[in-house]
Amino acid sequence: MQFPPGLYYDASFVRPSDKEEILAWLSTLHPIWEERYSPHHPPPPGQVQRQLLRPVYWLGNWQFACLNYYHPPKGIFHRCVRAEPFPSIFQRLISKVEKIAVRLFRGREMPAGWHLNTCLVNFYGKKLEGDRWVDTARVGEHKDFEPGPVASISLGERAMFQFVASRGLGQRNAVAFQQWLEDGSLQLFGGEKWKNRLFHRVQRVDRKLGQNFPLHVENFETRRINFTFRYVPEAHIAPFCELPRGSAADVRGYMEELAEHSQFFRGALRTRP
């Protein structure tokens, strides 16, 4: 497939030895389920509380859903809570990705100080609701508002990834470009068109490999794992002890859950008794 400017794809970026190391690290994680809203950050009028479709984990900084993520120009401060650093395998892989990115992107496409210091780990699969399994392996249309290019590394079943253009309220959005993201692949995108104008989504995730990752998540079966790497300026990343009182109260339960298995988060909690 020919990829247009601003898009980069390497179907075999992750070597077998790299994948083995990533899976060993993943076996130590305990992903969590988040709810979209909280007492100090309630649902907008007409909306109700809801759980995210999938369990997640973050590295570098944790953008809790109830803090409404990082969304410049207004949603900058108290959105990104300092989190665990990248494991060594990701430090090595991201060093390679950054070298590719600086060759592909110039000028306004590459903000000063850009480096990939944030990682969202999404677990795609199905969850047990009552006595039935419900497939939740998708992501709706959205944009990543962190400045500069975005890198995505995929493991497991392939996913149909689409860039879409909004046609307005009540109209079906148009697919501008789509591709399969394969096991072990790297996708990199940036620039005005792909990053700023178009939305993107994961339309569906295959089942052909019969993949099931044995992870520490109850009542959930994971067949694809995606690592999305982005850049947040260091000045906008706050330790837990510096969050406003209401925001700290809203995420304390998550911090305590993470601290059950993470020395980093245990230490963060001690800074704010």
Protein backbone atom coordinates (compact mmCIF):
# COMPACT_ATOMS: atom_id res chain seq x y z
CA MET A 1 0.00 0.00 0.00
CA GLN A 2 1.22 3.49 -0.87
CA PHE A 3 1.05 5.84 2.11
CA PRO A 4 0.49 9.57 1.60
CA PRO A 5 2.74 12.23 3.17
CA GLY A 6 2.20 12.52 6.90
CA LEU A 7 1.59 8.79 7.35
CA TYR A 8 4.23 6.14 8.04
CA TYR A 9 3.74 2.42 8.53
CA ASP A 10 6.11 -0.47 9.25
CA ALA A 11 4.31 -3.82 9.50
CA SER A 12 7.27 -5.58 11.17
CA PHE A 13 8.69 -2.87 13.42
CA VAL A 14 8.58 -4.99 16.58
CA ARG A 15 11.03 -7.89 16.40
CA PRO A 16 10.13 -11.24 18.00
CA SER A 17 12.62 -10.64 20.83
CA ASP A 18 11.12 -7.18 21.43
CA LYS A 19 7.62 -8.65 21.57
CA GLU A 20 8.74 -11.26 24.06
CA GLU A 21 10.14 -8.55 26.31
CA ILE A 22 6.99 -6.45 26.02
CA LEU A 23 4.79 -9.41 26.91
CA ALA A 24 6.95 -10.20 29.95
CA TRP A 25 6.50 -6.61 31.13
CA LEU A 26 2.75 -6.70 30.43
CA SER A 27 2.43 -9.78 32.65
CA THR A 28 3.39 -7.57 35.62
CA LEU A 29 0.71 -4.93 34.93
CA HIS A 30 -2.69 -4.64 36.56
CA PRO A 31 -4.76 -2.43 34.21
CA ILE A 32 -7.73 -0.59 35.68
CA TRP A 33 -11.25 0.28 34.62
CA GLU A 34 -12.10 3.98 34.68
CA GLU A 35 -15.38 5.84 34.70
CA ARG A 36 -15.76 8.86 32.47
CA TYR A 37 -16.91 11.33 35.12
CA SER A 38 -16.56 12.01 38.85
CA PRO A 39 -18.11 14.10 41.65
CA HIS A 40 -16.00 17.19 40.94
CA HIS A 41 -16.08 16.64 37.16
CA PRO A 42 -19.69 15.53 36.57
CA PRO A 43 -21.34 14.60 33.26
CA PRO A 44 -22.43 17.46 30.98
CA PRO A 45 -26.17 18.19 30.90
CA GLY A 46 -28.04 15.33 29.27
CA GLN A 47 -25.26 12.77 29.79
CA VAL A 48 -24.82 10.08 32.44
CA GLN A 49 -21.94 8.31 34.11
CA ARG A 50 -20.40 5.48 32.08
CA GLN A 51 -17.46 3.14 32.26
CA LEU A 52 -14.83 3.21 29.53
CA LEU A 53 -15.09 0.42 26.95
CA ARG A 54 -11.78 -1.15 27.92
CA PRO A 55 -9.25 -1.34 30.76
CA VAL A 56 -6.25 0.95 30.37
CA TYR A 57 -2.79 1.74 31.66
CA TRP A 58 -0.64 4.85 31.16
CA LEU A 59 3.09 5.52 31.24
CA GLY A 60 4.85 8.87 31.62
CA ASN A 61 1.69 10.57 32.78
CA TRP A 62 -1.79 9.29 33.53
CA GLN A 63 -4.61 11.18 31.88
CA PHE A 64 -7.57 10.07 33.95
CA ALA A 65 -10.81 10.15 32.00
CA CYS A 66 -12.62 12.04 34.75
CA LEU A 67 -10.05 14.87 34.50
CA ASN A 68 -11.07 15.18 30.85
CA TYR A 69 -7.70 14.35 29.29
CA TYR A 70 -5.17 16.79 27.87
CA HIS A 71 -6.91 19.17 25.47
CA PRO A 72 -5.10 22.40 24.51
CA PRO A 73 -5.56 25.28 24.36
CA LYS A 74 -7.88 25.37 27.39
CA GLY A 75 -7.49 21.88 28.85
CA ILE A 76 -3.83 22.07 29.79
CA PHE A 77 -3.28 22.07 33.53
CA HIS A 78 -4.21 19.38 36.07
CA ARG A 79 -5.03 16.88 33.34
CA CYS A 80 -1.78 14.88 33.26
CA VAL A 81 -0.70 13.21 36.50
CA ARG A 82 2.91 11.99 36.73
CA ALA A 83 3.04 8.22 36.19
CA GLU A 84 5.55 5.41 35.86
CA PRO A 85 8.44 5.84 33.39
CA PHE A 86 8.75 3.76 30.24
CA PRO A 87 10.31 0.32 30.69
CA SER A 88 13.63 -0.18 28.94
CA ILE A 89 12.09 -1.97 25.93
CA PHE A 90 9.95 1.09 25.14
CA GLN A 91 12.85 3.46 25.68
CA ARG A 92 14.73 1.57 22.98
CA LEU A 93 11.82 1.36 20.55
CA ILE A 94 10.81 4.99 20.99
CA SER A 95 14.36 6.14 20.34
CA LYS A 96 14.01 4.53 16.89
CA VAL A 97 10.56 6.03 16.34
CA GLU A 98 11.73 9.54 17.20
CA LYS A 99 14.54 9.30 14.64
CA ILE A 100 11.98 8.36 11.98
CA ALA A 101 9.69 11.21 13.03
CA VAL A 102 12.33 13.95 12.81
CA ARG A 103 13.05 12.86 9.23
CA LEU A 104 9.38 13.00 8.23
CA PHE A 105 8.06 16.10 9.97
CA ARG A 106 9.26 19.70 9.83
CA GLY A 107 8.30 23.19 10.94
CA ARG A 108 4.93 23.50 12.64
CA GLU A 109 4.43 19.75 12.35
CA MET A 110 7.25 19.22 14.88
CA PRO A 111 6.92 21.47 17.97
CA ALA A 112 10.01 22.54 19.90
CA GLY A 113 10.98 20.02 22.55
CA TRP A 114 8.89 17.22 21.02
CA HIS A 115 9.64 13.74 22.29
CA LEU A 116 7.39 10.79 23.04
CA ASN A 117 6.95 10.93 26.81
CA THR A 118 3.37 9.65 27.17
CA CYS A 119 1.95 6.21 26.43
CA LEU A 120 -1.65 5.05 26.61
CA VAL A 121 -1.98 1.27 26.72
CA ASN A 122 -5.39 0.17 25.43
CA PHE A 123 -6.63 -3.39 25.85
CA TYR A 124 -9.10 -4.47 23.15
CA GLY A 125 -11.38 -7.45 23.58
CA LYS A 126 -14.62 -8.50 25.21
CA LYS A 127 -15.96 -8.15 28.74
CA LEU A 128 -18.32 -10.25 30.78
CA GLU A 129 -21.55 -8.42 31.60
CA GLY A 130 -23.74 -10.58 33.79
CA ASP A 131 -23.87 -13.93 32.02
CA ARG A 132 -22.90 -12.79 28.52
CA TRP A 133 -19.74 -11.62 26.76
CA VAL A 134 -19.92 -8.21 25.08
CA ASP A 135 -17.35 -7.23 22.46
CA THR A 136 -15.91 -3.75 23.07
CA ALA A 137 -12.95 -3.90 20.65
CA ARG A 138 -13.36 -0.49 19.04
CA VAL A 139 -12.70 3.21 19.58
CA GLY A 140 -14.99 5.97 18.39
CA GLU A 141 -13.98 8.99 16.36
CA HIS A 142 -11.64 11.33 18.19
CA LYS A 143 -8.49 13.41 17.91
CA ASP A 144 -5.26 13.22 19.92
CA PHE A 145 -4.68 16.79 21.05
CA GLU A 146 -1.13 16.38 22.32
CA PRO A 147 1.18 18.45 20.07
CA GLY A 148 3.22 16.83 17.32
CA PRO A 149 3.26 13.39 15.70
CA VAL A 150 1.65 10.34 17.29
CA ALA A 151 3.13 6.84 17.23
CA SER A 152 1.14 3.62 17.61
CA ILE A 153 2.52 0.13 18.21
CA SER A 154 0.14 -2.84 17.97
CA LEU A 155 0.26 -6.41 19.26
CA GLY A 156 -2.20 -9.21 18.67
CA GLU A 157 -5.12 -9.33 16.25
CA ARG A 158 -5.10 -6.80 13.45
CA ALA A 159 -7.32 -3.71 13.70
CA MET A 160 -9.11 -1.67 11.05
CA PHE A 161 -7.94 1.91 11.61
CA GLN A 162 -9.70 4.77 9.82
CA PHE A 163 -9.22 8.50 9.38
CA VAL A 164 -12.57 10.19 8.92
CA ALA A 165 -13.83 13.66 7.96
CA SER A 166 -16.82 15.08 9.80
CA ARG A 167 -19.76 16.00 7.57
CA GLY A 168 -21.80 17.68 10.28
CA LEU A 169 -24.61 16.80 12.63
CA GLY A 170 -26.86 13.98 11.45
CA GLN A 171 -24.67 13.01 8.50
CA ARG A 172 -22.47 9.95 8.15
CA ASN A 173 -18.78 10.83 8.29
CA ALA A 174 -16.59 10.09 5.27
CA VAL A 175 -13.62 7.71 5.47
CA ALA A 176 -10.55 9.57 4.15
CA PHE A 177 -8.07 6.71 4.56
CA GLN A 178 -8.07 3.29 6.19
CA GLN A 179 -5.60 0.51 6.86
CA TRP A 180 -5.10 -2.65 8.89
CA LEU A 181 -2.72 -2.35 11.84
CA GLU A 182 -0.97 -5.71 12.10
CA ASP A 183 0.68 -7.55 14.98
CA GLY A 184 4.08 -5.96 15.65
CA SER A 185 3.42 -2.90 13.49
CA LEU A 186 4.30 0.76 13.92
CA GLN A 187 2.03 3.52 12.68
CA LEU A 188 3.16 7.16 12.79
CA PHE A 189 1.04 10.14 11.78
CA GLY A 190 1.20 13.90 12.09
CA GLY A 191 0.71 17.19 10.29
CA GLU A 192 -2.27 19.43 9.67
CA LYS A 193 -4.40 16.94 7.73
CA TRP A 194 -4.00 13.69 9.66
CA LYS A 195 -3.52 15.14 13.13
CA ASN A 196 -5.58 18.34 13.21
CA ARG A 197 -8.32 18.18 10.57
CA LEU A 198 -9.31 14.53 10.48
CA PHE A 199 -10.66 12.33 13.23
CA HIS A 200 -9.53 8.74 13.63
CA ARG A 201 -11.07 5.56 15.03
CA VAL A 202 -10.63 1.81 15.39
CA GLN A 203 -13.60 0.39 13.51
CA ARG A 204 -13.11 -3.26 14.48
CA VAL A 205 -10.56 -5.84 15.60
CA ASP A 206 -10.21 -9.25 13.94
CA ARG A 207 -10.49 -12.63 15.65
CA LYS A 208 -8.65 -14.69 13.04
CA LEU A 209 -5.55 -15.51 15.12
CA GLY A 210 -7.53 -16.66 18.13
CA GLN A 211 -5.30 -14.40 20.22
CA ASN A 212 -5.94 -14.11 23.96
CA PHE A 213 -3.40 -12.35 26.15
CA PRO A 214 -3.33 -13.73 29.74
CA LEU A 215 -3.46 -10.43 31.64
CA HIS A 216 -4.45 -9.37 35.15
CA VAL A 217 -7.93 -8.12 34.23
CA GLU A 218 -11.00 -9.82 35.65
CA ASN A 219 -13.96 -10.62 33.41
CA PHE A 220 -12.17 -9.43 30.29
CA GLU A 221 -10.44 -11.24 27.41
CA THR A 222 -7.82 -9.26 25.50
CA ARG A 223 -7.06 -10.04 21.85
CA ARG A 224 -5.26 -6.81 20.88
CA ILE A 225 -3.02 -4.39 22.77
CA ASN A 226 -2.14 -0.96 21.44
CA PHE A 227 0.49 1.46 22.73
CA THR A 228 -0.14 5.05 21.66
CA PHE A 229 2.84 7.34 22.25
CA ARG A 230 2.41 11.13 22.37
CA TYR A 231 4.10 14.28 23.64
CA VAL A 232 3.00 16.42 26.60
CA PRO A 233 5.21 19.38 27.58
CA GLU A 234 6.81 18.70 30.96
CA ALA A 235 5.37 21.93 32.39
CA HIS A 236 1.89 20.44 31.96
CA ILE A 237 2.58 17.21 33.85
CA ALA A 238 1.85 17.46 37.58
CA PRO A 239 2.65 15.07 40.42
CA PHE A 240 -0.37 13.85 42.36
CA CYS A 241 0.54 16.09 45.31
CA GLU A 242 0.03 19.21 43.16
CA LEU A 243 -3.48 18.45 41.91
CA PRO A 244 -6.29 20.72 43.14
CA ARG A 245 -8.17 19.22 46.07
CA GLY A 246 -11.26 18.26 44.06
CA SER A 247 -9.29 16.61 41.26
CA ALA A 248 -7.12 14.73 43.76
CA ALA A 249 -10.24 13.45 45.51
CA ASP A 250 -11.72 12.29 42.21
CA VAL A 251 -8.69 10.17 41.24
CA ARG A 252 -7.55 9.00 44.70
CA GLY A 253 -9.46 5.74 44.35
CA TYR A 254 -7.68 4.98 41.09
CA MET A 255 -4.33 5.91 42.63
CA GLU A 256 -4.98 3.56 45.54
CA GLU A 257 -5.94 0.75 43.15
CA LEU A 258 -2.77 1.29 41.14
CA ALA A 259 -0.69 1.46 44.33
CA GLU A 260 -1.69 -2.11 45.21
CA HIS A 261 0.72 -3.31 42.52
CA SER A 262 2.98 -0.32 41.82
CA GLN A 263 5.74 1.09 43.99
CA PHE A 264 5.61 4.31 41.98
CA PHE A 265 1.97 4.99 42.84
CA ARG A 266 2.49 3.98 46.48
CA GLY A 267 5.16 6.66 46.64
CA ALA A 268 2.90 9.21 44.93
CA LEU A 269 0.18 8.60 47.51
CA ARG A 270 2.60 9.12 50.39
CA THR A 271 3.30 12.64 49.15
CA ARG A 272 -0.34 13.55 49.81
CA PRO A 273 -1.72 11.76 52.89
